[in-house]
């Protein structure tokens, strides 16, 4: 918790710097939503058809070198595509096929100082617990901090970025050790823009140690190799509408022993297992 409070204190001090840099700091806001066929987060399949609204407010310095944002992001969706009725008594089977409702609310704050980005996010999953229950080792929420770099502020590679996310509070305890895991996710990516408002994003993300991204097993693992393609239309300078597609591969757990099976005197790909690591979605977003 001390780390979290220290981060927020640093953000507040930087807001003062922002105000001092320019007497005409610009107020800014953004609101919108996406409808996605699957909820995919950092290489992990989190659910099926989902509606994901978001909104943020903040200030930019006159030079746009300092930016501050606070906002919220939500997810309302089903746990899978098939909307199955499931077992009469789900407790009898750990692999419960019931489709269930998956609500989520994230509260975010971020500060960009030139190319340096500092951020914090509190994840709440509506598990019947208080909103800040996850600030201890139990409950239905988690809190993470972020450090990132936007290389476009230092070089010509304007779309190149780096992020390190680390869980610092909440439900993130390694069941094998009983200690906080400080689950971390590190990513490098590049967002390219082309003519006719076409975008292409490439991202590689990995976890450097045992974490929630590998069920607290293994060590370093590449969780997310993704490619995102999008096309945006602007309507009367009021709303931007984007149609996009995302493909993602999670390499953790993929090896020759579980991705190939012996059949009819030969090895064949086990598409059932590979299907747990290859994900994708299409989506429609609109932004005001």
Protein backbone atom coordinates (compact mmCIF):
# COMPACT_ATOMS: atom_id res chain seq x y z
CA UNK A 1 0.00 0.00 0.00
CA UNK A 2 2.87 2.41 0.72
CA UNK A 3 4.05 2.00 -2.87
CA UNK A 4 0.56 2.79 -4.14
CA UNK A 5 0.22 5.93 -2.01
CA UNK A 6 3.71 7.04 -3.06
CA UNK A 7 2.73 6.72 -6.72
CA UNK A 8 -0.43 8.78 -6.26
CA UNK A 9 1.56 11.43 -4.34
CA UNK A 10 4.01 11.65 -7.25
CA UNK A 11 1.09 12.09 -9.64
CA UNK A 12 -0.33 14.93 -7.58
CA UNK A 13 3.03 16.70 -7.49
CA UNK A 14 3.32 16.37 -11.25
CA UNK A 15 -0.14 17.91 -11.68
CA UNK A 16 1.20 20.95 -9.84
CA UNK A 17 4.13 21.00 -12.28
CA UNK A 18 1.66 20.80 -15.15
CA UNK A 19 -0.25 23.80 -13.83
CA UNK A 20 2.93 25.80 -13.37
CA UNK A 21 4.21 24.98 -16.85
CA UNK A 22 1.31 26.72 -18.53
CA UNK A 23 -1.35 29.10 -17.36
CA UNK A 24 -3.57 27.65 -20.05
CA UNK A 25 -3.47 23.93 -19.33
CA UNK A 26 -6.08 22.27 -21.52
CA UNK A 27 -8.96 20.30 -20.05
CA UNK A 28 -9.66 17.14 -22.04
CA UNK A 29 -12.10 14.28 -21.93
CA UNK A 30 -12.89 11.08 -23.81
CA UNK A 31 -15.84 8.72 -23.72
CA UNK A 32 -16.78 5.71 -25.76
CA UNK A 33 -17.33 1.98 -25.80
CA UNK A 34 -16.44 -1.20 -27.64
CA UNK A 35 -18.43 -4.31 -28.44
CA UNK A 36 -16.09 -7.30 -28.77
CA UNK A 37 -16.74 -10.90 -29.72
CA UNK A 38 -14.31 -12.07 -27.01
CA UNK A 39 -12.76 -10.38 -23.98
CA UNK A 40 -9.00 -10.99 -24.33
CA UNK A 41 -6.63 -9.44 -21.78
CA UNK A 42 -2.85 -9.76 -22.04
CA UNK A 43 -3.07 -13.04 -23.89
CA UNK A 44 -5.69 -14.50 -21.53
CA UNK A 45 -9.24 -15.38 -22.58
CA UNK A 46 -11.52 -13.66 -20.05
CA UNK A 47 -14.95 -14.09 -21.61
CA UNK A 48 -17.18 -14.07 -24.64
CA UNK A 49 -19.34 -11.38 -26.22
CA UNK A 50 -18.84 -8.19 -24.17
CA UNK A 51 -19.76 -4.52 -23.98
CA UNK A 52 -16.89 -2.36 -22.67
CA UNK A 53 -17.59 1.32 -21.98
CA UNK A 54 -14.89 3.77 -20.88
CA UNK A 55 -14.57 7.44 -19.92
CA UNK A 56 -11.74 9.69 -18.76
CA UNK A 57 -11.02 13.32 -17.94
CA UNK A 58 -7.75 15.16 -17.46
CA UNK A 59 -5.45 18.03 -18.29
CA UNK A 60 -2.70 18.54 -20.88
CA UNK A 61 0.02 21.14 -20.65
CA UNK A 62 0.19 23.71 -23.41
CA UNK A 63 3.18 21.88 -24.93
CA UNK A 64 1.45 18.46 -24.58
CA UNK A 65 4.56 17.19 -22.77
CA UNK A 66 2.68 16.61 -19.52
CA UNK A 67 -0.66 14.80 -19.43
CA UNK A 68 -2.82 13.66 -16.54
CA UNK A 69 -5.86 11.36 -16.77
CA UNK A 70 -8.34 9.74 -14.42
CA UNK A 71 -11.02 7.43 -15.71
CA UNK A 72 -13.01 4.24 -15.54
CA UNK A 73 -13.40 1.20 -17.77
CA UNK A 74 -16.09 -1.45 -17.53
CA UNK A 75 -16.91 -4.87 -18.90
CA UNK A 76 -20.37 -6.40 -19.16
CA UNK A 77 -20.46 -9.76 -20.84
CA UNK A 78 -20.86 -13.51 -20.79
CA UNK A 79 -18.18 -16.01 -19.83
CA UNK A 80 -18.35 -17.67 -23.25
CA UNK A 81 -19.99 -17.55 -26.66
CA UNK A 82 -22.27 -20.58 -26.31
CA UNK A 83 -24.54 -19.45 -23.43
CA UNK A 84 -24.71 -23.03 -22.14
CA UNK A 85 -27.14 -24.02 -19.37
CA UNK A 86 -24.49 -26.14 -17.67
CA UNK A 87 -24.71 -28.69 -14.90
CA UNK A 88 -27.69 -28.97 -12.52
CA UNK A 89 -25.24 -28.68 -9.62
CA UNK A 90 -22.07 -26.88 -10.73
CA UNK A 91 -20.32 -27.65 -7.42
CA UNK A 92 -19.99 -31.26 -8.49
CA UNK A 93 -17.51 -30.39 -11.21
CA UNK A 94 -14.65 -27.90 -11.13
CA UNK A 95 -14.92 -27.45 -14.89
CA UNK A 96 -18.31 -25.80 -14.71
CA UNK A 97 -19.76 -25.37 -18.23
CA UNK A 98 -22.34 -22.85 -17.06
CA UNK A 99 -22.26 -19.53 -18.84
CA UNK A 100 -22.25 -16.78 -16.26
CA UNK A 101 -22.31 -13.00 -16.12
CA UNK A 102 -18.88 -11.32 -16.03
CA UNK A 103 -19.04 -7.71 -14.77
CA UNK A 104 -15.88 -5.70 -14.09
CA UNK A 105 -15.08 -2.10 -13.17
CA UNK A 106 -11.58 -0.61 -13.37
CA UNK A 107 -10.63 2.77 -11.93
CA UNK A 108 -7.50 4.25 -13.51
CA UNK A 109 -5.13 7.17 -13.12
CA UNK A 110 -2.12 7.96 -15.31
CA UNK A 111 0.46 10.66 -15.68
CA UNK A 112 2.74 11.22 -18.67
CA UNK A 113 5.84 13.34 -18.16
CA UNK A 114 7.33 13.76 -21.62
CA UNK A 115 7.82 10.07 -22.53
CA UNK A 116 7.62 8.61 -19.02
CA UNK A 117 4.24 7.15 -17.99
CA UNK A 118 3.19 6.39 -14.40
CA UNK A 119 -0.15 4.75 -13.75
CA UNK A 120 -2.32 2.84 -11.31
CA UNK A 121 -5.42 0.70 -11.86
CA UNK A 122 -7.85 -0.81 -9.36
CA UNK A 123 -9.73 -3.86 -10.71
CA UNK A 124 -13.08 -4.76 -9.16
CA UNK A 125 -14.98 -7.92 -10.16
CA UNK A 126 -18.30 -7.57 -8.33
CA UNK A 127 -17.83 -10.70 -6.24
CA UNK A 128 -20.13 -9.55 -3.46
CA UNK A 129 -17.26 -7.93 -1.56
CA UNK A 130 -16.66 -4.22 -0.80
CA UNK A 131 -15.03 -2.20 -3.56
CA UNK A 132 -11.67 -1.93 -1.78
CA UNK A 133 -11.73 -5.43 -0.29
CA UNK A 134 -8.80 -6.47 -2.41
CA UNK A 135 -6.39 -4.05 -0.76
CA UNK A 136 -5.50 -6.96 1.53
CA UNK A 137 -4.68 -10.50 0.42
CA UNK A 138 -8.31 -11.52 0.00
CA UNK A 139 -11.45 -10.26 -1.65
CA UNK A 140 -12.63 -9.61 -5.16
CA UNK A 141 -10.30 -6.91 -6.40
CA UNK A 142 -6.70 -6.19 -7.33
CA UNK A 143 -4.54 -3.09 -7.66
CA UNK A 144 -1.59 -2.64 -9.99
CA UNK A 145 0.92 0.07 -10.81
CA UNK A 146 2.44 0.84 -14.19
CA UNK A 147 5.68 2.31 -15.47
CA UNK A 148 6.00 2.93 -19.19
CA UNK A 149 7.89 4.76 -21.91
CA UNK A 150 6.60 6.36 -25.10
CA UNK A 151 9.65 6.47 -27.33
CA UNK A 152 8.09 8.95 -29.72
CA UNK A 153 9.02 11.72 -27.29
CA UNK A 154 12.72 10.85 -27.72
CA UNK A 155 13.10 9.50 -31.25
CA UNK A 156 11.35 9.19 -34.60
CA UNK A 157 9.76 5.83 -33.70
CA UNK A 158 6.58 7.53 -32.55
CA UNK A 159 4.55 4.33 -32.21
CA UNK A 160 7.07 2.38 -30.10
CA UNK A 161 6.21 1.85 -26.42
CA UNK A 162 7.13 -0.15 -23.31
CA UNK A 163 5.01 -0.96 -20.24
CA UNK A 164 5.62 -2.79 -16.97
CA UNK A 165 2.54 -3.61 -14.91
CA UNK A 166 2.82 -5.04 -11.37
CA UNK A 167 0.09 -6.14 -8.94
CA UNK A 168 0.82 -4.55 -5.55
CA UNK A 169 -2.40 -5.18 -3.62
CA UNK A 170 -5.38 -7.47 -3.65
CA UNK A 171 -5.99 -11.05 -4.57
CA UNK A 172 -2.53 -11.97 -5.86
CA UNK A 173 -1.08 -14.55 -3.46
CA UNK A 174 0.87 -17.57 -4.69
CA UNK A 175 -1.03 -20.56 -3.24
CA UNK A 176 2.17 -22.62 -3.25
CA UNK A 177 4.08 -20.22 -0.98
CA UNK A 178 1.35 -18.19 0.70
CA UNK A 179 3.25 -15.00 -0.20
CA UNK A 180 2.32 -12.07 -2.42
CA UNK A 181 3.36 -12.83 -6.00
CA UNK A 182 3.68 -9.26 -7.30
CA UNK A 183 2.43 -10.60 -10.62
CA UNK A 184 4.07 -8.65 -13.41
CA UNK A 185 3.41 -8.27 -17.11
CA UNK A 186 5.98 -6.58 -19.37
CA UNK A 187 5.20 -5.62 -22.94
CA UNK A 188 6.85 -4.02 -25.94
CA UNK A 189 4.72 -2.81 -28.78
CA UNK A 190 4.50 -0.68 -31.87
CA UNK A 191 1.44 1.10 -33.23
CA UNK A 192 1.65 2.13 -36.88
CA UNK A 193 -0.70 4.52 -38.66
CA UNK A 194 -1.34 4.45 -42.39
CA UNK A 195 -3.39 6.38 -44.89
CA UNK A 196 -7.17 6.26 -44.76
CA UNK A 197 -7.10 6.00 -40.93
CA UNK A 198 -5.83 2.43 -40.92
CA UNK A 199 -3.84 1.25 -37.89
CA UNK A 200 -1.73 -1.81 -37.18
CA UNK A 201 -0.53 -2.74 -33.70
CA UNK A 202 2.06 -5.37 -32.77
CA UNK A 203 2.69 -6.40 -29.18
CA UNK A 204 4.83 -8.95 -27.32
CA UNK A 205 4.18 -9.41 -23.62
CA UNK A 206 5.68 -11.73 -21.00
CA UNK A 207 5.71 -12.37 -17.27
CA UNK A 208 9.18 -12.49 -15.66
CA UNK A 209 8.32 -14.88 -12.78
CA UNK A 210 5.58 -17.05 -11.26
CA UNK A 211 2.42 -15.01 -11.50
CA UNK A 212 -1.32 -15.04 -12.08
CA UNK A 213 -0.57 -15.14 -15.82
CA UNK A 214 0.76 -18.71 -15.44
CA UNK A 215 -1.42 -19.87 -12.52
CA UNK A 216 1.59 -19.23 -10.27
CA UNK A 217 3.58 -22.01 -11.94
CA UNK A 218 6.65 -21.97 -14.15
CA UNK A 219 9.01 -19.04 -14.46
CA UNK A 220 9.39 -16.60 -17.34
CA UNK A 221 6.68 -17.05 -19.97
CA UNK A 222 5.61 -15.27 -23.15
CA UNK A 223 1.90 -14.70 -22.58
CA UNK A 224 0.95 -12.50 -25.46
CA UNK A 225 2.05 -12.20 -29.07
CA UNK A 226 -0.69 -10.16 -30.68
CA UNK A 227 -1.57 -8.36 -33.88
CA UNK A 228 -4.33 -5.77 -34.09
CA UNK A 229 -5.74 -4.27 -37.30
CA UNK A 230 -8.20 -1.38 -37.31
CA UNK A 231 -9.98 1.03 -39.63
CA UNK A 232 -11.55 4.28 -38.33
CA UNK A 233 -14.25 6.51 -39.78
CA UNK A 234 -14.93 10.01 -38.49
CA UNK A 235 -18.55 11.18 -38.57
CA UNK A 236 -18.89 14.96 -38.84
CA UNK A 237 -15.98 15.42 -36.38
CA UNK A 238 -18.34 14.28 -33.60
CA UNK A 239 -17.69 10.57 -33.26
CA UNK A 240 -15.00 8.14 -34.41
CA UNK A 241 -16.15 4.63 -35.32
CA UNK A 242 -13.56 1.87 -35.49
CA UNK A 243 -13.85 -1.66 -36.81
CA UNK A 244 -10.98 -3.86 -35.65
CA UNK A 245 -9.70 -7.42 -35.40
CA UNK A 246 -7.28 -8.87 -32.86
CA UNK A 247 -5.31 -12.11 -32.91
CA UNK A 248 -3.33 -13.33 -29.90
CA UNK A 249 -1.11 -16.30 -29.04
CA UNK A 250 -0.17 -17.30 -25.49
CA UNK A 251 2.87 -19.59 -25.64
CA UNK A 252 2.84 -20.61 -21.96
CA UNK A 253 2.20 -24.33 -21.63
CA UNK A 254 2.76 -25.11 -25.29
CA UNK A 255 5.31 -27.89 -25.84
CA UNK A 256 5.78 -30.97 -27.97
CA UNK A 257 4.26 -33.31 -25.36
CA UNK A 258 0.88 -31.57 -25.16
CA UNK A 259 0.50 -30.07 -28.63
CA UNK A 260 1.11 -33.30 -30.51
CA UNK A 261 -0.61 -36.64 -30.03
CA UNK A 262 0.20 -40.08 -31.38
CA UNK A 263 -2.53 -41.23 -33.72
CA UNK A 264 -2.59 -43.88 -36.43
CA UNK A 265 1.16 -44.37 -36.26
CA UNK A 266 2.02 -40.68 -36.57
CA UNK A 267 2.16 -37.46 -34.54
CA UNK A 268 -0.66 -35.00 -35.18
CA UNK A 269 -1.41 -31.53 -33.86
CA UNK A 270 -3.68 -31.44 -30.82
CA UNK A 271 -5.99 -28.63 -31.85
CA UNK A 272 -7.94 -28.87 -28.58
CA UNK A 273 -4.92 -27.82 -26.54
CA UNK A 274 -3.74 -25.25 -29.08
CA UNK A 275 -7.19 -23.70 -29.03
CA UNK A 276 -6.63 -22.70 -25.42
CA UNK A 277 -3.63 -20.61 -26.47
CA UNK A 278 -4.78 -19.12 -29.76
CA UNK A 279 -7.42 -16.43 -29.35
CA UNK A 280 -8.91 -13.70 -31.42
CA UNK A 281 -11.82 -11.31 -31.62
CA UNK A 282 -13.50 -8.73 -33.80
CA UNK A 283 -14.90 -5.53 -32.40
CA UNK A 284 -16.67 -2.26 -33.06
CA UNK A 285 -15.78 0.87 -31.10
CA UNK A 286 -17.09 4.40 -31.02
CA UNK A 287 -15.45 7.42 -29.38
CA UNK A 288 -16.61 10.97 -28.70
